[in-house]
Amino acid sequence: MTLSICPRCNTEFDNYSKWGAKKYCSRSCANSREQTTTMRESKRLKLSIAGNCKYCNEEFESKSGLGYHQSKCLENPNRSPGSFFDKKHTLETKQKIGKNNGMGLKTPVSLLDVSKRTTSKIMKRLDIGCFNCEWKLTSCDVHHIIPVSKGGTDDNSNLTHLCPNCHRLAHENKLTTFVSIKDRIGEEWRKHYFAHE
């Protein structure tokens, strides 16, 4: 154990680190150190590198502005509308992550082949709520139009998307008319399931 004195707060501390001897006692002391003009100049130069967007060729004065613009650029083929697509991963990255996580090993036939959480994400990406009352404040449930016990299948033509209240009414036989997933969105949901192209 080697003791050193912090040049910022003058406290004694153990300077051992697996990356080498530490100069400051804590991260807050290290961050509050005086910056030399050389340090400030190198930071300014890194941020002020001008560049053009690789999608629309618009010119930017800073690297950070360029990176932000490219992720939102309307001509970016990986960008699609909606808040979900504004997050850091591109469509190709999402598909790659899905395959690496093992989701790409089984091709889903219907929305019941994916988890409830994934179904909820797909419906949010499609901006669709309850098929009966259009409620979309939280996640909805997938409901069998003809129950499996009465010969119903797990196909999208026998599934509907209902909010918890409409789902309860359906089980109490107070809701009798349903719109199936196949009739409402068809195969559109596959475009928003990122384990597959």
C-alpha atoms as a PDB file:
ATOM      1  CA  MET A   1       0.000   0.000   0.000  1.00  0.00           C
ATOM      2  CA  THR A   2       1.423   3.368  -1.083  1.00  0.00           C
ATOM      3  CA  LEU A   3       0.029   6.594   0.323  1.00  0.00           C
ATOM      4  CA  SER A   4      -0.109   9.835  -1.654  1.00  0.00           C
ATOM      5  CA  ILE A   5      -1.495  13.312  -1.041  1.00  0.00           C
ATOM      6  CA  CYS A   6      -4.216  14.582  -3.360  1.00  0.00           C
ATOM      7  CA  PRO A   7      -3.036  17.835  -5.045  1.00  0.00           C
ATOM      8  CA  ARG A   8      -6.630  19.128  -5.062  1.00  0.00           C
ATOM      9  CA  CYS A   9      -7.930  18.542  -1.491  1.00  0.00           C
ATOM     10  CA  ASN A  10      -4.660  17.649   0.327  1.00  0.00           C
ATOM     11  CA  THR A  11      -6.056  14.403   1.797  1.00  0.00           C
ATOM     12  CA  GLU A  12      -3.949  11.276   2.142  1.00  0.00           C
ATOM     13  CA  PHE A  13      -5.134   8.276   0.087  1.00  0.00           C
ATOM     14  CA  ASP A  14      -3.998   4.881  -1.174  1.00  0.00           C
ATOM     15  CA  ASN A  15      -2.886   5.518  -4.757  1.00  0.00           C
ATOM     16  CA  TYR A  16      -3.053   1.864  -5.910  1.00  0.00           C
ATOM     17  CA  SER A  17      -5.025   1.166  -9.084  1.00  0.00           C
ATOM     18  CA  LYS A  18      -4.842  -1.755 -11.508  1.00  0.00           C
ATOM     19  CA  TRP A  19      -4.104   0.816 -14.247  1.00  0.00           C
ATOM     20  CA  GLY A  20      -1.218   2.436 -12.358  1.00  0.00           C
ATOM     21  CA  ALA A  21      -0.718   4.974  -9.561  1.00  0.00           C
ATOM     22  CA  LYS A  22      -3.563   7.452  -9.059  1.00  0.00           C
ATOM     23  CA  LYS A  23      -2.831  11.169  -8.864  1.00  0.00           C
ATOM     24  CA  TYR A  24      -6.166  12.268  -7.296  1.00  0.00           C
ATOM     25  CA  CYS A  25      -8.115  10.752  -4.390  1.00  0.00           C
ATOM     26  CA  SER A  26     -11.486  10.681  -6.196  1.00  0.00           C
ATOM     27  CA  ARG A  27     -13.199  11.266  -9.525  1.00  0.00           C
ATOM     28  CA  SER A  28     -14.623  14.619  -8.308  1.00  0.00           C
ATOM     29  CA  CYS A  29     -11.109  15.899  -7.457  1.00  0.00           C
ATOM     30  CA  ALA A  30      -9.787  14.727 -10.842  1.00  0.00           C
ATOM     31  CA  ASN A  31     -12.653  16.409 -12.725  1.00  0.00           C
ATOM     32  CA  SER A  32     -12.245  19.703 -10.881  1.00  0.00           C
ATOM     33  CA  ARG A  33      -8.535  20.085 -11.734  1.00  0.00           C
ATOM     34  CA  GLU A  34      -7.230  23.131 -13.612  1.00  0.00           C
ATOM     35  CA  GLN A  35      -7.202  22.601 -17.350  1.00  0.00           C
ATOM     36  CA  THR A  36      -4.233  23.847 -19.288  1.00  0.00           C
ATOM     37  CA  THR A  37      -4.672  25.831 -22.494  1.00  0.00           C
ATOM     38  CA  THR A  38      -3.289  22.812 -24.395  1.00  0.00           C
ATOM     39  CA  MET A  39      -6.001  20.533 -22.950  1.00  0.00           C
ATOM     40  CA  ARG A  40      -8.755  23.041 -23.753  1.00  0.00           C
ATOM     41  CA  GLU A  41      -7.425  23.576 -27.270  1.00  0.00           C
ATOM     42  CA  SER A  42      -7.273  19.818 -28.025  1.00  0.00           C
ATOM     43  CA  LYS A  43     -10.905  19.380 -26.825  1.00  0.00           C
ATOM     44  CA  ARG A  44     -12.032  22.331 -28.934  1.00  0.00           C
ATOM     45  CA  LEU A  45     -10.303  20.923 -32.018  1.00  0.00           C
ATOM     46  CA  LYS A  46     -11.874  17.464 -31.532  1.00  0.00           C
ATOM     47  CA  LEU A  47     -15.376  18.963 -31.320  1.00  0.00           C
ATOM     48  CA  SER A  48     -14.888  21.485 -34.117  1.00  0.00           C
ATOM     49  CA  ILE A  49     -14.018  19.015 -36.882  1.00  0.00           C
ATOM     50  CA  ALA A  50     -16.286  19.956 -39.752  1.00  0.00           C
ATOM     51  CA  GLY A  51     -17.938  17.235 -41.803  1.00  0.00           C
ATOM     52  CA  ASN A  52     -20.752  16.396 -44.185  1.00  0.00           C
ATOM     53  CA  CYS A  53     -23.692  14.055 -43.576  1.00  0.00           C
ATOM     54  CA  LYS A  54     -23.107  10.798 -45.462  1.00  0.00           C
ATOM     55  CA  TYR A  55     -26.822  10.596 -46.372  1.00  0.00           C
ATOM     56  CA  CYS A  56     -27.820  14.127 -47.454  1.00  0.00           C
ATOM     57  CA  ASN A  57     -24.357  15.802 -47.700  1.00  0.00           C
ATOM     58  CA  GLU A  58     -25.393  18.681 -45.394  1.00  0.00           C
ATOM     59  CA  GLU A  59     -22.339  20.428 -43.890  1.00  0.00           C
ATOM     60  CA  PHE A  60     -21.786  20.679 -40.114  1.00  0.00           C
ATOM     61  CA  GLU A  61     -19.258  22.664 -38.075  1.00  0.00           C
ATOM     62  CA  SER A  62     -18.976  20.185 -35.193  1.00  0.00           C
ATOM     63  CA  LYS A  63     -18.547  16.425 -34.917  1.00  0.00           C
ATOM     64  CA  SER A  64     -21.279  16.140 -32.278  1.00  0.00           C
ATOM     65  CA  GLY A  65     -23.788  18.024 -34.442  1.00  0.00           C
ATOM     66  CA  LEU A  66     -22.951  15.824 -37.415  1.00  0.00           C
ATOM     67  CA  GLY A  67     -23.418  12.588 -35.440  1.00  0.00           C
ATOM     68  CA  TYR A  68     -26.789  13.723 -34.059  1.00  0.00           C
ATOM     69  CA  HIS A  69     -28.011  14.804 -37.507  1.00  0.00           C
ATOM     70  CA  GLN A  70     -26.983  11.516 -39.181  1.00  0.00           C
ATOM     71  CA  SER A  71     -28.998   9.464 -36.671  1.00  0.00           C
ATOM     72  CA  LYS A  72     -32.133  11.530 -37.455  1.00  0.00           C
ATOM     73  CA  CYS A  73     -31.487  12.273 -41.149  1.00  0.00           C
ATOM     74  CA  LEU A  74     -34.621  11.718 -43.254  1.00  0.00           C
ATOM     75  CA  GLU A  75     -32.534  10.151 -46.030  1.00  0.00           C
ATOM     76  CA  ASN A  76     -30.978   7.598 -43.653  1.00  0.00           C
ATOM     77  CA  PRO A  77     -32.351   4.216 -44.880  1.00  0.00           C
ATOM     78  CA  ASN A  78     -32.141   2.790 -41.338  1.00  0.00           C
ATOM     79  CA  ARG A  79     -34.344   5.528 -39.888  1.00  0.00           C
ATOM     80  CA  SER A  80     -38.093   5.051 -39.676  1.00  0.00           C
ATOM     81  CA  PRO A  81     -40.629   7.456 -38.119  1.00  0.00           C
ATOM     82  CA  GLY A  82     -41.583   7.166 -34.444  1.00  0.00           C
ATOM     83  CA  SER A  83     -39.839   7.671 -31.116  1.00  0.00           C
ATOM     84  CA  PHE A  84     -38.549   4.078 -30.962  1.00  0.00           C
ATOM     85  CA  PHE A  85     -36.421   4.560 -34.078  1.00  0.00           C
ATOM     86  CA  ASP A  86     -34.771   7.687 -32.680  1.00  0.00           C
ATOM     87  CA  LYS A  87     -32.801   5.533 -30.221  1.00  0.00           C
ATOM     88  CA  LYS A  88     -29.153   4.706 -30.849  1.00  0.00           C
ATOM     89  CA  HIS A  89     -29.384   1.405 -32.779  1.00  0.00           C
ATOM     90  CA  THR A  90     -30.044   1.253 -36.512  1.00  0.00           C
ATOM     91  CA  LEU A  91     -32.397  -1.302 -38.040  1.00  0.00           C
ATOM     92  CA  GLU A  92     -29.483  -3.563 -39.091  1.00  0.00           C
ATOM     93  CA  THR A  93     -28.038  -3.410 -35.563  1.00  0.00           C
ATOM     94  CA  LYS A  94     -31.409  -4.317 -34.017  1.00  0.00           C
ATOM     95  CA  GLN A  95     -31.730  -7.304 -36.353  1.00  0.00           C
ATOM     96  CA  LYS A  96     -28.157  -8.396 -35.577  1.00  0.00           C
ATOM     97  CA  ILE A  97     -28.763  -8.109 -31.811  1.00  0.00           C
ATOM     98  CA  GLY A  98     -31.974 -10.137 -32.203  1.00  0.00           C
ATOM     99  CA  LYS A  99     -30.136 -12.911 -34.043  1.00  0.00           C
ATOM    100  CA  ASN A 100     -27.276 -12.944 -31.523  1.00  0.00           C
ATOM    101  CA  ASN A 101     -29.786 -13.274 -28.675  1.00  0.00           C
ATOM    102  CA  GLY A 102     -31.221 -16.408 -30.302  1.00  0.00           C
ATOM    103  CA  MET A 103     -34.463 -14.767 -31.426  1.00  0.00           C
ATOM    104  CA  GLY A 104     -33.535 -15.431 -35.036  1.00  0.00           C
ATOM    105  CA  LEU A 105     -33.507 -19.198 -34.519  1.00  0.00           C
ATOM    106  CA  LYS A 106     -37.309 -19.520 -34.700  1.00  0.00           C
ATOM    107  CA  THR A 107     -39.433 -17.669 -37.230  1.00  0.00           C
ATOM    108  CA  PRO A 108     -42.692 -16.610 -35.543  1.00  0.00           C
ATOM    109  CA  VAL A 109     -45.917 -17.603 -37.291  1.00  0.00           C
ATOM    110  CA  SER A 110     -48.193 -15.359 -35.198  1.00  0.00           C
ATOM    111  CA  LEU A 111     -47.910 -12.779 -32.420  1.00  0.00           C
ATOM    112  CA  LEU A 112     -48.348 -15.563 -29.850  1.00  0.00           C
ATOM    113  CA  ASP A 113     -44.942 -16.965 -30.882  1.00  0.00           C
ATOM    114  CA  VAL A 114     -43.213 -13.875 -29.414  1.00  0.00           C
ATOM    115  CA  SER A 115     -43.324 -12.744 -25.793  1.00  0.00           C
ATOM    116  CA  LYS A 116     -46.028 -10.444 -24.417  1.00  0.00           C
ATOM    117  CA  ARG A 117     -43.398  -7.738 -23.933  1.00  0.00           C
ATOM    118  CA  THR A 118     -42.254  -7.993 -27.581  1.00  0.00           C
ATOM    119  CA  THR A 119     -45.889  -7.940 -28.783  1.00  0.00           C
ATOM    120  CA  SER A 120     -46.435  -4.780 -26.740  1.00  0.00           C
ATOM    121  CA  LYS A 121     -43.324  -3.178 -28.313  1.00  0.00           C
ATOM    122  CA  ILE A 122     -44.458  -4.138 -31.834  1.00  0.00           C
ATOM    123  CA  MET A 123     -47.886  -2.550 -31.263  1.00  0.00           C
ATOM    124  CA  LYS A 124     -46.273   0.625 -29.861  1.00  0.00           C
ATOM    125  CA  ARG A 125     -44.035   0.845 -32.930  1.00  0.00           C
ATOM    126  CA  LEU A 126     -47.145   0.490 -35.118  1.00  0.00           C
ATOM    127  CA  ASP A 127     -48.907   3.118 -32.898  1.00  0.00           C
ATOM    128  CA  ILE A 128     -51.890   0.782 -32.375  1.00  0.00           C
ATOM    129  CA  GLY A 129     -53.812   0.307 -29.136  1.00  0.00           C
ATOM    130  CA  CYS A 130     -56.911  -1.710 -28.314  1.00  0.00           C
ATOM    131  CA  PHE A 131     -58.691  -2.937 -31.467  1.00  0.00           C
ATOM    132  CA  ASN A 132     -62.056  -2.298 -29.793  1.00  0.00           C
ATOM    133  CA  CYS A 133     -61.757   1.096 -28.030  1.00  0.00           C
ATOM    134  CA  GLU A 134     -58.356   2.379 -29.386  1.00  0.00           C
ATOM    135  CA  TRP A 135     -56.983   2.803 -25.806  1.00  0.00           C
ATOM    136  CA  LYS A 136     -53.145   2.762 -25.804  1.00  0.00           C
ATOM    137  CA  LEU A 137     -51.898   4.231 -22.528  1.00  0.00           C
ATOM    138  CA  THR A 138     -50.251   0.961 -21.414  1.00  0.00           C
ATOM    139  CA  SER A 139     -49.854  -2.522 -22.881  1.00  0.00           C
ATOM    140  CA  CYS A 140     -52.832  -4.491 -24.158  1.00  0.00           C
ATOM    141  CA  ASP A 141     -53.454  -8.257 -24.263  1.00  0.00           C
ATOM    142  CA  VAL A 142     -53.657 -10.723 -27.134  1.00  0.00           C
ATOM    143  CA  HIS A 143     -57.041 -12.512 -26.947  1.00  0.00           C
ATOM    144  CA  HIS A 144     -58.304 -15.629 -28.756  1.00  0.00           C
ATOM    145  CA  ILE A 145     -61.541 -14.832 -30.627  1.00  0.00           C
ATOM    146  CA  ILE A 146     -62.542 -18.526 -30.567  1.00  0.00           C
ATOM    147  CA  PRO A 147     -61.076 -20.067 -27.382  1.00  0.00           C
ATOM    148  CA  VAL A 148     -58.521 -22.860 -27.802  1.00  0.00           C
ATOM    149  CA  SER A 149     -60.782 -25.103 -25.662  1.00  0.00           C
ATOM    150  CA  LYS A 150     -63.490 -24.731 -28.346  1.00  0.00           C
ATOM    151  CA  GLY A 151     -61.176 -25.483 -31.273  1.00  0.00           C
ATOM    152  CA  GLY A 152     -59.629 -22.029 -31.812  1.00  0.00           C
ATOM    153  CA  THR A 153     -56.138 -21.763 -33.298  1.00  0.00           C
ATOM    154  CA  ASP A 154     -53.127 -19.585 -32.428  1.00  0.00           C
ATOM    155  CA  ASP A 155     -53.179 -18.048 -35.916  1.00  0.00           C
ATOM    156  CA  ASN A 156     -53.405 -14.224 -36.284  1.00  0.00           C
ATOM    157  CA  SER A 157     -56.847 -14.651 -37.907  1.00  0.00           C
ATOM    158  CA  ASN A 158     -58.099 -15.950 -34.507  1.00  0.00           C
ATOM    159  CA  LEU A 159     -56.293 -13.348 -32.370  1.00  0.00           C
ATOM    160  CA  THR A 160     -57.248  -9.805 -31.428  1.00  0.00           C
ATOM    161  CA  HIS A 161     -55.544  -7.074 -29.393  1.00  0.00           C
ATOM    162  CA  LEU A 162     -57.611  -5.791 -26.431  1.00  0.00           C
ATOM    163  CA  CYS A 163     -57.048  -3.442 -23.499  1.00  0.00           C
ATOM    164  CA  PRO A 164     -57.495  -5.006 -20.001  1.00  0.00           C
ATOM    165  CA  ASN A 165     -61.054  -3.646 -19.677  1.00  0.00           C
ATOM    166  CA  CYS A 166     -62.221  -4.916 -23.101  1.00  0.00           C
ATOM    167  CA  HIS A 167     -60.424  -8.215 -22.426  1.00  0.00           C
ATOM    168  CA  ARG A 168     -62.442  -8.630 -19.208  1.00  0.00           C
ATOM    169  CA  LEU A 169     -65.680  -7.813 -21.081  1.00  0.00           C
ATOM    170  CA  ALA A 170     -64.779 -10.378 -23.766  1.00  0.00           C
ATOM    171  CA  HIS A 171     -64.345 -13.107 -21.119  1.00  0.00           C
ATOM    172  CA  GLU A 172     -67.698 -12.126 -19.578  1.00  0.00           C
ATOM    173  CA  ASN A 173     -69.310 -12.454 -23.053  1.00  0.00           C
ATOM    174  CA  LYS A 174     -70.295  -8.746 -22.995  1.00  0.00           C
ATOM    175  CA  LEU A 175     -68.123  -8.063 -26.057  1.00  0.00           C
ATOM    176  CA  THR A 176     -68.978 -10.200 -29.066  1.00  0.00           C
ATOM    177  CA  THR A 177     -67.625  -8.448 -32.198  1.00  0.00           C
ATOM    178  CA  PHE A 178     -63.880  -8.637 -32.739  1.00  0.00           C
ATOM    179  CA  VAL A 179     -61.378  -7.419 -35.339  1.00  0.00           C
ATOM    180  CA  SER A 180     -58.611  -9.964 -35.896  1.00  0.00           C
ATOM    181  CA  ILE A 181     -54.924  -9.057 -36.064  1.00  0.00           C
ATOM    182  CA  LYS A 182     -54.809 -10.436 -39.618  1.00  0.00           C
ATOM    183  CA  ASP A 183     -57.665  -8.132 -40.739  1.00  0.00           C
ATOM    184  CA  ARG A 184     -56.305  -5.046 -38.960  1.00  0.00           C
ATOM    185  CA  ILE A 185     -52.542  -5.157 -39.639  1.00  0.00           C
ATOM    186  CA  GLY A 186     -51.921  -8.306 -41.696  1.00  0.00           C
ATOM    187  CA  GLU A 187     -48.168  -9.036 -41.916  1.00  0.00           C
ATOM    188  CA  GLU A 188     -47.195  -5.400 -41.191  1.00  0.00           C
ATOM    189  CA  TRP A 189     -46.059  -6.424 -37.674  1.00  0.00           C
ATOM    190  CA  ARG A 190     -43.102  -8.366 -39.118  1.00  0.00           C
ATOM    191  CA  LYS A 191     -41.456  -5.093 -40.225  1.00  0.00           C
ATOM    192  CA  HIS A 192     -41.311  -4.063 -36.551  1.00  0.00           C
ATOM    193  CA  TYR A 193     -39.940  -7.360 -35.199  1.00  0.00           C
ATOM    194  CA  PHE A 194     -36.184  -6.926 -35.282  1.00  0.00           C
ATOM    195  CA  ALA A 195     -35.030 -10.531 -34.948  1.00  0.00           C
ATOM    196  CA  HIS A 196     -35.586 -10.979 -38.687  1.00  0.00           C
ATOM    197  CA  GLU A 197     -35.154  -9.004 -41.874  1.00  0.00           C
END
